[in-house]
Amino acid sequence: MWLKERLKEKSTWRGLAVLAGLLGYAVDPMQVEAVITGVGAAVALVETVSAEHKQAG
């Protein structure tokens, strides 16, 4: 399944975090600092818990 394979990729989760941040900014521009902090935390979490795949070669 295409979606299941995409959800295994770190770039998908980073992209979703950034999109959520942009939506949060669009909803309440006064909360820019909190939105940026939340996006940074989400990206850091994805990077921390996801396994790296080593390519042969």
PDB file of N, CA and C in Angstrom:
ATOM      1  N   MET A   1       0.839  -1.174   0.000  1.00  0.00           N
ATOM      2  CA  MET A   1       0.000   0.000   0.000  1.00  0.00           C
ATOM      3  C   MET A   1       0.892   1.249   0.000  1.00  0.00           C
ATOM      4  N   TRP A   2       0.572   2.191  -0.854  1.00  0.00           N
ATOM      5  CA  TRP A   2       1.408   3.375  -1.048  1.00  0.00           C
ATOM      6  C   TRP A   2       1.524   4.214   0.229  1.00  0.00           C
ATOM      7  N   LEU A   3       0.410   4.493   0.871  1.00  0.00           N
ATOM      8  CA  LEU A   3       0.421   5.335   2.063  1.00  0.00           C
ATOM      9  C   LEU A   3       1.222   4.694   3.194  1.00  0.00           C
ATOM     10  N   LYS A   4       1.062   3.403   3.368  1.00  0.00           N
ATOM     11  CA  LYS A   4       1.788   2.699   4.426  1.00  0.00           C
ATOM     12  C   LYS A   4       3.298   2.810   4.211  1.00  0.00           C
ATOM     13  N   GLU A   5       3.730   2.709   2.967  1.00  0.00           N
ATOM     14  CA  GLU A   5       5.165   2.834   2.663  1.00  0.00           C
ATOM     15  C   GLU A   5       5.660   4.258   2.912  1.00  0.00           C
ATOM     16  N   ARG A   6       4.853   5.260   2.565  1.00  0.00           N
ATOM     17  CA  ARG A   6       5.251   6.658   2.782  1.00  0.00           C
ATOM     18  C   ARG A   6       5.359   6.969   4.264  1.00  0.00           C
ATOM     19  N   LEU A   7       4.490   6.370   5.078  1.00  0.00           N
ATOM     20  CA  LEU A   7       4.525   6.643   6.517  1.00  0.00           C
ATOM     21  C   LEU A   7       5.767   6.074   7.188  1.00  0.00           C
ATOM     22  N   LYS A   8       6.500   5.235   6.507  1.00  0.00           N
ATOM     23  CA  LYS A   8       7.748   4.690   7.040  1.00  0.00           C
ATOM     24  C   LYS A   8       8.925   5.625   6.795  1.00  0.00           C
ATOM     25  N   GLU A   9       8.729   6.658   5.987  1.00  0.00           N
ATOM     26  CA  GLU A   9       9.821   7.568   5.620  1.00  0.00           C
ATOM     27  C   GLU A   9       9.855   8.781   6.538  1.00  0.00           C
ATOM     28  N   LYS A  10      11.062   9.144   6.988  1.00  0.00           N
ATOM     29  CA  LYS A  10      11.216  10.299   7.861  1.00  0.00           C
ATOM     30  C   LYS A  10      10.784  11.580   7.163  1.00  0.00           C
ATOM     31  N   SER A  11      11.036  11.677   5.878  1.00  0.00           N
ATOM     32  CA  SER A  11      10.688  12.904   5.163  1.00  0.00           C
ATOM     33  C   SER A  11       9.179  13.150   5.181  1.00  0.00           C
ATOM     34  N   THR A  12       8.395  12.088   5.176  1.00  0.00           N
ATOM     35  CA  THR A  12       6.937  12.242   5.246  1.00  0.00           C
ATOM     36  C   THR A  12       6.540  12.876   6.566  1.00  0.00           C
ATOM     37  N   TRP A  13       7.117  12.410   7.655  1.00  0.00           N
ATOM     38  CA  TRP A  13       6.782  12.941   8.977  1.00  0.00           C
ATOM     39  C   TRP A  13       7.288  14.365   9.161  1.00  0.00           C
ATOM     40  N   ARG A  14       8.471  14.653   8.614  1.00  0.00           N
ATOM     41  CA  ARG A  14       8.975  16.037   8.673  1.00  0.00           C
ATOM     42  C   ARG A  14       8.047  16.961   7.903  1.00  0.00           C
ATOM     43  N   GLY A  15       7.625  16.521   6.736  1.00  0.00           N
ATOM     44  CA  GLY A  15       6.711  17.325   5.929  1.00  0.00           C
ATOM     45  C   GLY A  15       5.387  17.561   6.629  1.00  0.00           C
ATOM     46  N   LEU A  16       4.852  16.522   7.262  1.00  0.00           N
ATOM     47  CA  LEU A  16       3.603  16.674   7.999  1.00  0.00           C
ATOM     48  C   LEU A  16       3.756  17.650   9.168  1.00  0.00           C
ATOM     49  N   ALA A  17       4.899  17.607   9.840  1.00  0.00           N
ATOM     50  CA  ALA A  17       5.148  18.529  10.950  1.00  0.00           C
ATOM     51  C   ALA A  17       5.192  19.973  10.451  1.00  0.00           C
ATOM     52  N   VAL A  18       5.858  20.190   9.329  1.00  0.00           N
ATOM     53  CA  VAL A  18       5.939  21.538   8.771  1.00  0.00           C
ATOM     54  C   VAL A  18       4.560  22.018   8.321  1.00  0.00           C
ATOM     55  N   LEU A  19       3.806  21.147   7.662  1.00  0.00           N
ATOM     56  CA  LEU A  19       2.451  21.522   7.242  1.00  0.00           C
ATOM     57  C   LEU A  19       1.575  21.873   8.450  1.00  0.00           C
ATOM     58  N   ALA A  20       1.678  21.088   9.507  1.00  0.00           N
ATOM     59  CA  ALA A  20       0.904  21.382  10.718  1.00  0.00           C
ATOM     60  C   ALA A  20       1.309  22.737  11.288  1.00  0.00           C
ATOM     61  N   GLY A  21       2.586  23.028  11.241  1.00  0.00           N
ATOM     62  CA  GLY A  21       3.063  24.329  11.713  1.00  0.00           C
ATOM     63  C   GLY A  21       2.521  25.475  10.881  1.00  0.00           C
ATOM     64  N   LEU A  22       2.509  25.284   9.570  1.00  0.00           N
ATOM     65  CA  LEU A  22       1.965  26.327   8.698  1.00  0.00           C
ATOM     66  C   LEU A  22       0.476  26.534   8.951  1.00  0.00           C
ATOM     67  N   LEU A  23      -0.249  25.449   9.175  1.00  0.00           N
ATOM     68  CA  LEU A  23      -1.668  25.567   9.480  1.00  0.00           C
ATOM     69  C   LEU A  23      -1.874  26.268  10.821  1.00  0.00           C
ATOM     70  N   GLY A  24      -1.034  25.938  11.779  1.00  0.00           N
ATOM     71  CA  GLY A  24      -1.121  26.595  13.087  1.00  0.00           C
ATOM     72  C   GLY A  24      -0.836  28.077  12.983  1.00  0.00           C
ATOM     73  N   TYR A  25       0.118  28.448  12.139  1.00  0.00           N
ATOM     74  CA  TYR A  25       0.434  29.863  11.937  1.00  0.00           C
ATOM     75  C   TYR A  25      -0.736  30.572  11.263  1.00  0.00           C
ATOM     76  N   ALA A  26      -1.357  29.908  10.292  1.00  0.00           N
ATOM     77  CA  ALA A  26      -2.479  30.520   9.581  1.00  0.00           C
ATOM     78  C   ALA A  26      -3.665  30.741  10.512  1.00  0.00           C
ATOM     79  N   VAL A  27      -3.845  29.875  11.484  1.00  0.00           N
ATOM     80  CA  VAL A  27      -4.969  29.992  12.405  1.00  0.00           C
ATOM     81  C   VAL A  27      -4.736  31.112  13.420  1.00  0.00           C
ATOM     82  N   ASP A  28      -3.521  31.204  13.962  1.00  0.00           N
ATOM     83  CA  ASP A  28      -3.250  32.202  14.993  1.00  0.00           C
ATOM     84  C   ASP A  28      -1.833  32.762  14.854  1.00  0.00           C
ATOM     85  N   PRO A  29      -1.656  33.811  14.038  1.00  0.00           N
ATOM     86  CA  PRO A  29      -0.320  34.376  13.818  1.00  0.00           C
ATOM     87  C   PRO A  29       0.354  34.902  15.080  1.00  0.00           C
ATOM     88  N   MET A  30      -0.398  35.148  16.132  1.00  0.00           N
ATOM     89  CA  MET A  30       0.191  35.655  17.378  1.00  0.00           C
ATOM     90  C   MET A  30       0.966  34.566  18.124  1.00  0.00           C
ATOM     91  N   GLN A  31       0.787  33.328  17.727  1.00  0.00           N
ATOM     92  CA  GLN A  31       1.431  32.208  18.406  1.00  0.00           C
ATOM     93  C   GLN A  31       2.620  31.660  17.611  1.00  0.00           C
ATOM     94  N   VAL A  32       3.277  32.500  16.817  1.00  0.00           N
ATOM     95  CA  VAL A  32       4.367  32.059  15.941  1.00  0.00           C
ATOM     96  C   VAL A  32       5.447  31.316  16.711  1.00  0.00           C
ATOM     97  N   GLU A  33       5.862  31.843  17.836  1.00  0.00           N
ATOM     98  CA  GLU A  33       6.938  31.208  18.614  1.00  0.00           C
ATOM     99  C   GLU A  33       6.536  29.809  19.076  1.00  0.00           C
ATOM    100  N   ALA A  34       5.315  29.655  19.544  1.00  0.00           N
ATOM    101  CA  ALA A  34       4.844  28.346  19.993  1.00  0.00           C
ATOM    102  C   ALA A  34       4.745  27.373  18.824  1.00  0.00           C
ATOM    103  N   VAL A  35       4.303  27.857  17.667  1.00  0.00           N
ATOM    104  CA  VAL A  35       4.195  27.003  16.484  1.00  0.00           C
ATOM    105  C   VAL A  35       5.581  26.526  16.052  1.00  0.00           C
ATOM    106  N   ILE A  36       6.541  27.431  16.010  1.00  0.00           N
ATOM    107  CA  ILE A  36       7.906  27.065  15.607  1.00  0.00           C
ATOM    108  C   ILE A  36       8.494  26.059  16.586  1.00  0.00           C
ATOM    109  N   THR A  37       8.284  26.269  17.867  1.00  0.00           N
ATOM    110  CA  THR A  37       8.769  25.333  18.881  1.00  0.00           C
ATOM    111  C   THR A  37       8.126  23.963  18.707  1.00  0.00           C
ATOM    112  N   GLY A  38       6.835  23.941  18.453  1.00  0.00           N
ATOM    113  CA  GLY A  38       6.127  22.670  18.256  1.00  0.00           C
ATOM    114  C   GLY A  38       6.613  21.922  17.033  1.00  0.00           C
ATOM    115  N   VAL A  39       6.828  22.634  15.936  1.00  0.00           N
ATOM    116  CA  VAL A  39       7.332  21.994  14.711  1.00  0.00           C
ATOM    117  C   VAL A  39       8.732  21.454  14.960  1.00  0.00           C
ATOM    118  N   GLY A  40       9.569  22.237  15.601  1.00  0.00           N
ATOM    119  CA  GLY A  40      10.924  21.778  15.910  1.00  0.00           C
ATOM    120  C   GLY A  40      10.907  20.535  16.786  1.00  0.00           C
ATOM    121  N   ALA A  41      10.028  20.519  17.766  1.00  0.00           N
ATOM    122  CA  ALA A  41       9.921  19.352  18.648  1.00  0.00           C
ATOM    123  C   ALA A  41       9.432  18.128  17.886  1.00  0.00           C
ATOM    124  N   ALA A  42       8.468  18.321  17.000  1.00  0.00           N
ATOM    125  CA  ALA A  42       7.949  17.194  16.216  1.00  0.00           C
ATOM    126  C   ALA A  42       9.022  16.619  15.301  1.00  0.00           C
ATOM    127  N   VAL A  43       9.781  17.483  14.634  1.00  0.00           N
ATOM    128  CA  VAL A  43      10.855  17.010  13.762  1.00  0.00           C
ATOM    129  C   VAL A  43      11.930  16.308  14.581  1.00  0.00           C
ATOM    130  N   ALA A  44      12.282  16.861  15.724  1.00  0.00           N
ATOM    131  CA  ALA A  44      13.285  16.228  16.588  1.00  0.00           C
ATOM    132  C   ALA A  44      12.813  14.855  17.054  1.00  0.00           C
ATOM    133  N   LEU A  45      11.548  14.731  17.394  1.00  0.00           N
ATOM    134  CA  LEU A  45      11.005  13.450  17.823  1.00  0.00           C
ATOM    135  C   LEU A  45      11.085  12.420  16.701  1.00  0.00           C
ATOM    136  N   VAL A  46      10.712  12.813  15.493  1.00  0.00           N
ATOM    137  CA  VAL A  46      10.782  11.901  14.345  1.00  0.00           C
ATOM    138  C   VAL A  46      12.220  11.453  14.123  1.00  0.00           C
ATOM    139  N   GLU A  47      13.143  12.390  14.177  1.00  0.00           N
ATOM    140  CA  GLU A  47      14.551  12.049  13.960  1.00  0.00           C
ATOM    141  C   GLU A  47      15.081  11.132  15.055  1.00  0.00           C
ATOM    142  N   THR A  48      14.605  11.305  16.266  1.00  0.00           N
ATOM    143  CA  THR A  48      15.097  10.512  17.389  1.00  0.00           C
ATOM    144  C   THR A  48      14.578   9.085  17.366  1.00  0.00           C
ATOM    145  N   VAL A  49      13.308   8.901  17.082  1.00  0.00           N
ATOM    146  CA  VAL A  49      12.715   7.576  17.197  1.00  0.00           C
ATOM    147  C   VAL A  49      12.759   6.755  15.919  1.00  0.00           C
ATOM    148  N   SER A  50      13.041   7.368  14.790  1.00  0.00           N
ATOM    149  CA  SER A  50      13.038   6.600  13.541  1.00  0.00           C
ATOM    150  C   SER A  50      14.407   5.983  13.295  1.00  0.00           C
ATOM    151  N   ALA A  51      14.370   4.778  12.779  1.00  0.00           N
ATOM    152  CA  ALA A  51      15.609   4.048  12.479  1.00  0.00           C
ATOM    153  C   ALA A  51      16.192   4.533  11.159  1.00  0.00           C
ATOM    154  N   GLU A  52      17.503   4.573  11.102  1.00  0.00           N
ATOM    155  CA  GLU A  52      18.148   4.939   9.848  1.00  0.00           C
ATOM    156  C   GLU A  52      18.374   3.685   9.022  1.00  0.00           C
ATOM    157  N   HIS A  53      18.131   3.830   7.740  1.00  0.00           N
ATOM    158  CA  HIS A  53      18.336   2.711   6.832  1.00  0.00           C
ATOM    159  C   HIS A  53      19.656   2.916   6.103  1.00  0.00           C
ATOM    160  N   LYS A  54      20.568   1.998   6.286  1.00  0.00           N
ATOM    161  CA  LYS A  54      21.862   2.087   5.617  1.00  0.00           C
ATOM    162  C   LYS A  54      21.760   1.432   4.246  1.00  0.00           C
ATOM    163  N   GLN A  55      22.261   2.143   3.238  1.00  0.00           N
ATOM    164  CA  GLN A  55      22.233   1.593   1.892  1.00  0.00           C
ATOM    165  C   GLN A  55      23.515   0.819   1.625  1.00  0.00           C
ATOM    166  N   ALA A  56      23.362  -0.287   0.955  1.00  0.00           N
ATOM    167  CA  ALA A  56      24.533  -1.092   0.592  1.00  0.00           C
ATOM    168  C   ALA A  56      25.251  -0.406  -0.559  1.00  0.00           C
ATOM    169  N   GLY A  57      26.546  -0.501  -0.548  1.00  0.00           N
ATOM    170  CA  GLY A  57      27.241   0.053  -1.698  1.00  0.00           C
ATOM    171  C   GLY A  57      28.372   0.831  -1.299  1.00  0.00           C
TER     172      GLY A  57
END
